[in-house]
Amino acid sequence: MAPKSVGRPNTGTPTWSSWTRSTQHRPTSPGSAPPIDARPLFAPEHTALIATLRALAPADWAREAVPGWSLHDVAAHLLGDCYGRLARHRDGHRESPGFAPGEDLAAYIHRINQQWVDANARVSPAALTDTLELVGAQVARLFEGTDPAAPSIGVSWAGVDPAPLWLDTAREFTEYWTHRQQIRHATGQDTDPDPRPLSMVLDTFLRALPHTLRDTTAPAGTQLQVHVDGLAGGIWTATATTTRGDWSLAEPTVGRPAALVHLDPETAWRLCVRGIEPADALTRARTDGDRRLAEAACRIVSIVR
């Protein structure tokens, strides 16, 4: 698997004629980078998740997967995500809890997620796994039949609303994959070494780079590169298109970048979900050039916090 490069021409990146024909009433990608097709990966990811859950010992379900949530909580949360996706995009069901007075998006999402997890505390691990196996398979089939160019809900950490469905789909894939890794880590396993899904996750997460740099000014044409090692890695080049903090992943690479951030894959994906903090990532990274730009890049976050 050859490393990808975003920020210079790459004929190996999948595109869709319907996406390139017309952008009227269709949202554009963050930084105008080429689309990502995560659709074929949902079925194998779902199979891997169910296998992971069925291999858990009874005592494992109470282990902490993320601060404040057990493995049972994370599995219940994934089930809620699946039901929400089917409701919105298959069934046209729009009923959902409203925002509380003064509540922002992050607070709203965290509140309704916690309410769902609390409501499912009485569901046994076996019943939870059986239900997730059934409903998750329906979600995988749903994504397989979608139009990647259609408009969808926003992806706030990429700074685009509405988002093209391909980006929303890729974002959803990263959530399923990330939660499976959290379950693995809680039971003493390493991150799944399969480079294909990790490559998809990294490419999706790095689409947050232009939005991350929105408060970082530099002369127009300044370039910052993020290199991620290994089969799952690649090169992402962000270019300042104005002097006001506008950045793009669509511009070709020209000469030596003003700043280079070199990360290993584990550090890269965990940084994007705040499994590690930016200061820790910088100690693990190899950087060159403008330190201010390198530090700004390591503030990337590809989840709602």
Protein backbone atom coordinates (compact mmCIF):
# COMPACT_ATOMS: atom_id res chain seq x y z
CA MET A 1 0.00 0.00 0.00
CA ALA A 2 1.65 3.20 -1.16
CA PRO A 3 1.58 6.23 1.14
CA LYS A 4 -0.96 8.85 0.19
CA SER A 5 -0.21 12.49 -0.46
CA VAL A 6 -2.74 15.25 0.04
CA GLY A 7 -1.69 18.64 -1.19
CA ARG A 8 -0.26 17.52 -4.50
CA PRO A 9 -1.75 15.67 -7.47
CA ASN A 10 -2.52 12.02 -6.73
CA THR A 11 -4.27 10.05 -9.44
CA GLY A 12 -4.71 7.10 -7.11
CA THR A 13 -7.24 8.94 -4.95
CA PRO A 14 -10.85 7.87 -5.63
CA THR A 15 -13.18 10.52 -7.05
CA TRP A 16 -16.74 10.50 -8.31
CA SER A 17 -17.92 12.17 -11.50
CA SER A 18 -21.07 13.37 -9.77
CA TRP A 19 -18.92 15.23 -7.24
CA THR A 20 -16.85 16.97 -9.92
CA ARG A 21 -19.65 17.80 -12.36
CA SER A 22 -21.45 20.34 -10.22
CA THR A 23 -21.14 21.77 -6.73
CA GLN A 24 -24.44 23.64 -6.81
CA HIS A 25 -26.37 22.77 -3.62
CA ARG A 26 -23.59 20.33 -2.72
CA PRO A 27 -21.13 21.04 0.07
CA THR A 28 -17.44 21.13 -0.67
CA SER A 29 -14.73 19.22 1.13
CA PRO A 30 -12.61 20.81 3.86
CA GLY A 31 -9.65 22.47 2.24
CA SER A 32 -10.98 21.22 -1.15
CA ALA A 33 -8.97 18.01 -0.76
CA PRO A 34 -9.97 14.93 -2.81
CA PRO A 35 -12.85 12.80 -1.47
CA ILE A 36 -12.37 9.68 0.65
CA ASP A 37 -14.39 6.49 0.14
CA ALA A 38 -14.83 4.70 3.47
CA ARG A 39 -17.93 2.79 2.38
CA PRO A 40 -16.28 -0.58 1.64
CA LEU A 41 -14.66 -0.67 5.09
CA PHE A 42 -17.79 -0.61 7.25
CA ALA A 43 -18.65 -4.30 6.86
CA PRO A 44 -15.18 -5.60 7.82
CA GLU A 45 -14.96 -3.06 10.64
CA HIS A 46 -18.30 -4.22 11.99
CA THR A 47 -17.18 -7.85 11.81
CA ALA A 48 -14.00 -6.97 13.71
CA LEU A 49 -15.98 -5.10 16.39
CA ILE A 50 -18.38 -7.97 17.02
CA ALA A 51 -15.48 -10.44 17.19
CA THR A 52 -13.76 -8.17 19.72
CA LEU A 53 -16.89 -7.95 21.89
CA ARG A 54 -17.59 -11.68 21.77
CA ALA A 55 -14.03 -12.41 22.89
CA LEU A 56 -14.44 -10.36 26.10
CA ALA A 57 -14.55 -12.11 29.43
CA PRO A 58 -17.51 -11.21 31.68
CA ALA A 59 -15.29 -9.12 33.94
CA ASP A 60 -13.91 -7.17 30.98
CA TRP A 61 -17.17 -5.33 30.40
CA ALA A 62 -16.67 -3.30 33.58
CA ARG A 63 -13.16 -2.18 32.63
CA GLU A 64 -12.68 1.51 31.92
CA ALA A 65 -12.34 2.14 28.19
CA VAL A 66 -12.22 5.94 28.32
CA PRO A 67 -12.43 8.23 31.36
CA GLY A 68 -15.88 7.77 32.86
CA TRP A 69 -17.03 5.02 30.51
CA SER A 70 -16.68 1.24 30.78
CA LEU A 71 -16.44 -1.15 27.83
CA HIS A 72 -20.18 -1.72 28.26
CA ASP A 73 -20.76 2.04 28.00
CA VAL A 74 -18.71 2.32 24.81
CA ALA A 75 -20.58 -0.59 23.21
CA ALA A 76 -23.91 0.99 24.19
CA HIS A 77 -22.74 4.29 22.71
CA LEU A 78 -21.89 2.57 19.42
CA LEU A 79 -25.36 1.03 19.35
CA GLY A 80 -26.84 4.49 19.81
CA ASP A 81 -24.75 5.80 16.93
CA CYS A 82 -26.06 2.99 14.72
CA TYR A 83 -29.69 3.67 15.62
CA GLY A 84 -29.18 7.39 15.02
CA ARG A 85 -27.65 6.81 11.60
CA LEU A 86 -30.48 4.51 10.51
CA ALA A 87 -33.09 6.93 11.82
CA ARG A 88 -31.70 9.95 10.00
CA HIS A 89 -30.44 8.54 6.74
CA ARG A 90 -32.54 5.44 6.10
CA ASP A 91 -35.85 6.15 7.79
CA GLY A 92 -36.10 9.94 7.61
CA HIS A 93 -36.83 10.08 11.34
CA ARG A 94 -35.86 13.51 12.66
CA GLU A 95 -37.12 13.37 16.26
CA SER A 96 -34.33 13.92 18.79
CA PRO A 97 -33.76 15.76 22.08
CA GLY A 98 -33.47 19.51 21.72
CA PHE A 99 -30.70 21.78 22.91
CA ALA A 100 -30.90 22.97 26.49
CA PRO A 101 -30.81 26.76 27.02
CA GLY A 102 -27.28 28.06 26.42
CA GLU A 103 -25.98 24.62 25.39
CA ASP A 104 -23.36 24.45 22.63
CA LEU A 105 -22.91 21.54 20.23
CA ALA A 106 -20.25 19.75 22.28
CA ALA A 107 -22.27 19.96 25.50
CA TYR A 108 -25.41 18.81 23.70
CA ILE A 109 -23.70 15.78 22.16
CA HIS A 110 -22.07 14.77 25.44
CA ARG A 111 -25.39 15.10 27.30
CA ILE A 112 -27.48 13.00 24.93
CA ASN A 113 -24.70 10.41 24.61
CA GLN A 114 -24.58 10.05 28.38
CA GLN A 115 -28.36 9.78 28.62
CA TRP A 116 -28.34 6.96 26.09
CA VAL A 117 -25.51 5.13 27.86
CA ASP A 118 -27.26 5.45 31.22
CA ALA A 119 -30.52 4.13 29.77
CA ASN A 120 -28.73 1.04 28.44
CA ALA A 121 -26.97 0.15 31.67
CA ARG A 122 -29.59 -2.52 32.35
CA VAL A 123 -28.93 -4.29 29.03
CA SER A 124 -26.73 -7.35 29.40
CA PRO A 125 -23.46 -7.61 27.46
CA ALA A 126 -24.82 -10.57 25.51
CA ALA A 127 -28.00 -8.75 24.50
CA LEU A 128 -26.04 -5.61 23.70
CA THR A 129 -23.67 -7.53 21.44
CA ASP A 130 -26.48 -9.39 19.69
CA THR A 131 -28.36 -6.15 19.01
CA LEU A 132 -25.24 -4.34 17.87
CA GLU A 133 -24.44 -7.21 15.49
CA LEU A 134 -27.88 -6.91 13.89
CA VAL A 135 -28.15 -3.12 13.74
CA GLY A 136 -24.51 -2.49 12.82
CA ALA A 137 -24.82 -4.76 9.80
CA GLN A 138 -27.76 -2.65 8.63
CA VAL A 139 -25.64 0.48 8.94
CA ALA A 140 -22.86 -1.10 6.87
CA ARG A 141 -25.37 -1.95 4.12
CA LEU A 142 -26.81 1.57 4.31
CA PHE A 143 -23.43 3.17 3.68
CA GLU A 144 -22.67 0.83 0.78
CA GLY A 145 -25.63 2.26 -1.13
CA THR A 146 -25.10 5.97 -0.47
CA ASP A 147 -24.18 8.77 -2.88
CA PRO A 148 -20.85 10.18 -1.63
CA ALA A 149 -21.56 13.58 -3.16
CA ALA A 150 -24.90 14.10 -1.45
CA PRO A 151 -25.10 16.72 1.30
CA SER A 152 -25.11 15.52 4.90
CA ILE A 153 -24.74 16.80 8.43
CA GLY A 154 -21.81 19.02 9.29
CA VAL A 155 -18.40 17.86 10.48
CA SER A 156 -17.58 20.56 13.00
CA TRP A 157 -13.95 19.67 13.56
CA ALA A 158 -13.33 20.05 9.82
CA GLY A 159 -15.15 23.37 9.76
CA VAL A 160 -17.72 22.37 7.11
CA ASP A 161 -21.51 22.44 7.47
CA PRO A 162 -23.24 20.95 5.61
CA ALA A 163 -20.63 18.36 4.75
CA PRO A 164 -20.55 16.09 1.71
CA LEU A 165 -21.75 12.62 2.63
CA TRP A 166 -18.34 11.13 1.86
CA LEU A 167 -16.83 13.19 4.68
CA ASP A 168 -19.65 12.41 7.11
CA THR A 169 -19.28 8.72 6.20
CA ALA A 170 -15.52 8.78 6.74
CA ARG A 171 -16.02 10.59 10.06
CA GLU A 172 -18.48 7.90 11.15
CA PHE A 173 -16.00 5.20 10.20
CA THR A 174 -13.31 6.81 12.35
CA GLU A 175 -15.64 6.77 15.33
CA TYR A 176 -16.37 3.05 15.03
CA TRP A 177 -12.70 2.24 14.50
CA THR A 178 -11.51 4.46 17.37
CA HIS A 179 -13.96 2.97 19.87
CA ARG A 180 -12.87 -0.54 18.89
CA GLN A 181 -9.26 0.43 19.60
CA GLN A 182 -10.30 1.80 23.00
CA ILE A 183 -11.90 -1.56 23.79
CA ARG A 184 -8.75 -3.36 22.66
CA HIS A 185 -6.50 -1.13 24.75
CA ALA A 186 -8.67 -1.60 27.85
CA THR A 187 -8.13 -5.35 27.60
CA GLY A 188 -4.38 -5.14 27.11
CA GLN A 189 -4.30 -5.37 23.32
CA ASP A 190 -2.43 -3.05 21.00
CA THR A 191 -4.00 -1.01 18.24
CA ASP A 192 -5.20 -3.17 15.36
CA PRO A 193 -2.16 -3.31 13.02
CA ASP A 194 -4.22 -3.62 9.80
CA PRO A 195 -2.99 -0.65 7.73
CA ARG A 196 -6.03 -0.31 5.48
CA PRO A 197 -8.54 0.98 8.05
CA LEU A 198 -5.84 2.95 9.86
CA SER A 199 -4.92 4.63 6.58
CA MET A 200 -8.56 5.65 6.12
CA VAL A 201 -8.72 6.95 9.70
CA LEU A 202 -5.55 9.01 9.38
CA ASP A 203 -6.59 10.50 6.04
CA THR A 204 -9.94 11.49 7.53
CA PHE A 205 -8.47 12.91 10.72
CA LEU A 206 -5.91 15.02 8.84
CA ARG A 207 -8.74 16.72 6.94
CA ALA A 208 -9.07 18.77 10.14
CA LEU A 209 -5.73 20.46 9.44
CA PRO A 210 -7.03 23.57 7.59
CA HIS A 211 -9.63 24.19 10.32
CA THR A 212 -6.99 23.61 12.98
CA LEU A 213 -4.85 26.35 11.42
CA ARG A 214 -7.69 28.86 11.05
CA ASP A 215 -6.22 31.16 13.72
CA THR A 216 -2.64 30.74 12.47
CA THR A 217 -1.58 33.49 10.08
CA ALA A 218 1.26 33.18 7.58
CA PRO A 219 2.18 34.74 4.23
CA ALA A 220 0.11 33.41 1.35
CA GLY A 221 1.83 30.38 -0.17
CA THR A 222 3.38 29.23 3.11
CA GLN A 223 3.27 25.45 3.36
CA LEU A 224 3.17 23.12 6.34
CA GLN A 225 3.60 19.38 5.91
CA VAL A 226 2.55 16.55 8.19
CA HIS A 227 4.26 13.24 7.47
CA VAL A 228 2.96 10.03 9.04
CA ASP A 229 5.20 6.98 8.78
CA GLY A 230 4.39 3.45 7.68
CA LEU A 231 2.02 1.70 5.29
CA ALA A 232 -0.95 3.55 6.77
CA GLY A 233 0.75 6.93 6.64
CA GLY A 234 1.16 9.62 4.06
CA ILE A 235 1.92 13.30 3.50
CA TRP A 236 -0.56 16.12 4.04
CA THR A 237 0.43 19.61 2.84
CA ALA A 238 -1.51 22.62 4.11
CA THR A 239 -1.03 25.85 2.18
CA ALA A 240 -1.89 29.33 3.39
CA THR A 241 -4.12 30.77 0.68
CA THR A 242 -4.45 34.21 2.29
CA THR A 243 -2.73 36.10 5.10
CA ARG A 244 -5.86 35.83 7.27
CA GLY A 245 -5.58 32.22 8.45
CA ASP A 246 -7.15 30.50 5.43
CA TRP A 247 -5.49 27.15 4.64
CA SER A 248 -6.07 24.51 1.98
CA LEU A 249 -5.06 20.92 1.37
CA ALA A 250 -5.69 21.26 -2.36
CA GLU A 251 -2.60 23.19 -3.44
CA PRO A 252 0.39 21.37 -4.98
CA THR A 253 3.54 21.06 -2.93
CA VAL A 254 6.11 23.69 -3.94
CA GLY A 255 9.67 23.41 -2.70
CA ARG A 256 10.61 22.96 0.93
CA PRO A 257 7.77 23.53 3.44
CA ALA A 258 8.11 26.24 6.06
CA ALA A 259 7.45 23.61 8.72
CA LEU A 260 7.50 19.81 8.82
CA VAL A 261 5.90 17.60 11.46
CA HIS A 262 6.86 13.93 11.31
CA LEU A 263 4.71 11.54 13.39
CA ASP A 264 4.41 7.80 13.86
CA PRO A 265 0.89 6.44 13.15
CA GLU A 266 0.05 5.66 16.77
CA THR A 267 0.91 9.16 17.93
CA ALA A 268 -0.96 10.70 14.99
CA TRP A 269 -4.32 9.03 15.48
CA ARG A 270 -4.25 9.25 19.26
CA LEU A 271 -3.42 12.96 19.06
CA CYS A 272 -6.42 13.55 16.82
CA VAL A 273 -8.79 11.99 19.38
CA ARG A 274 -6.89 13.45 22.36
CA GLY A 275 -5.64 10.10 23.56
CA ILE A 276 -2.48 12.15 23.99
CA GLU A 277 -2.13 15.90 24.34
CA PRO A 278 -0.39 18.22 21.87
CA ALA A 279 2.59 18.80 24.18
CA ASP A 280 3.18 15.04 24.41
CA ALA A 281 2.83 14.65 20.66
CA LEU A 282 5.46 17.33 20.09
CA THR A 283 7.93 15.42 22.26
CA ARG A 284 7.38 12.34 20.10
CA ALA A 285 7.40 14.20 16.79
CA ARG A 286 10.33 15.14 14.61
CA THR A 287 9.89 18.75 13.56
CA ASP A 288 11.78 21.03 11.26
CA GLY A 289 11.39 24.69 10.34
CA ASP A 290 8.92 27.15 11.83
CA ARG A 291 8.21 25.96 15.37
CA ARG A 292 5.07 28.10 15.62
CA LEU A 293 3.51 26.31 12.66
CA ALA A 294 4.55 22.89 13.97
CA GLU A 295 2.96 23.61 17.34
CA ALA A 296 -0.21 24.82 15.63
CA ALA A 297 -0.44 21.62 13.59
CA CYS A 298 -0.15 19.52 16.75
CA ARG A 299 -3.26 21.20 18.13
CA ILE A 300 -5.29 19.21 15.62
CA VAL A 301 -8.41 17.54 17.01
CA SER A 302 -10.73 15.39 14.92
CA ILE A 303 -13.58 14.76 17.37
CA VAL A 304 -16.20 16.90 19.08
CA ARG A 305 -14.78 17.83 22.48
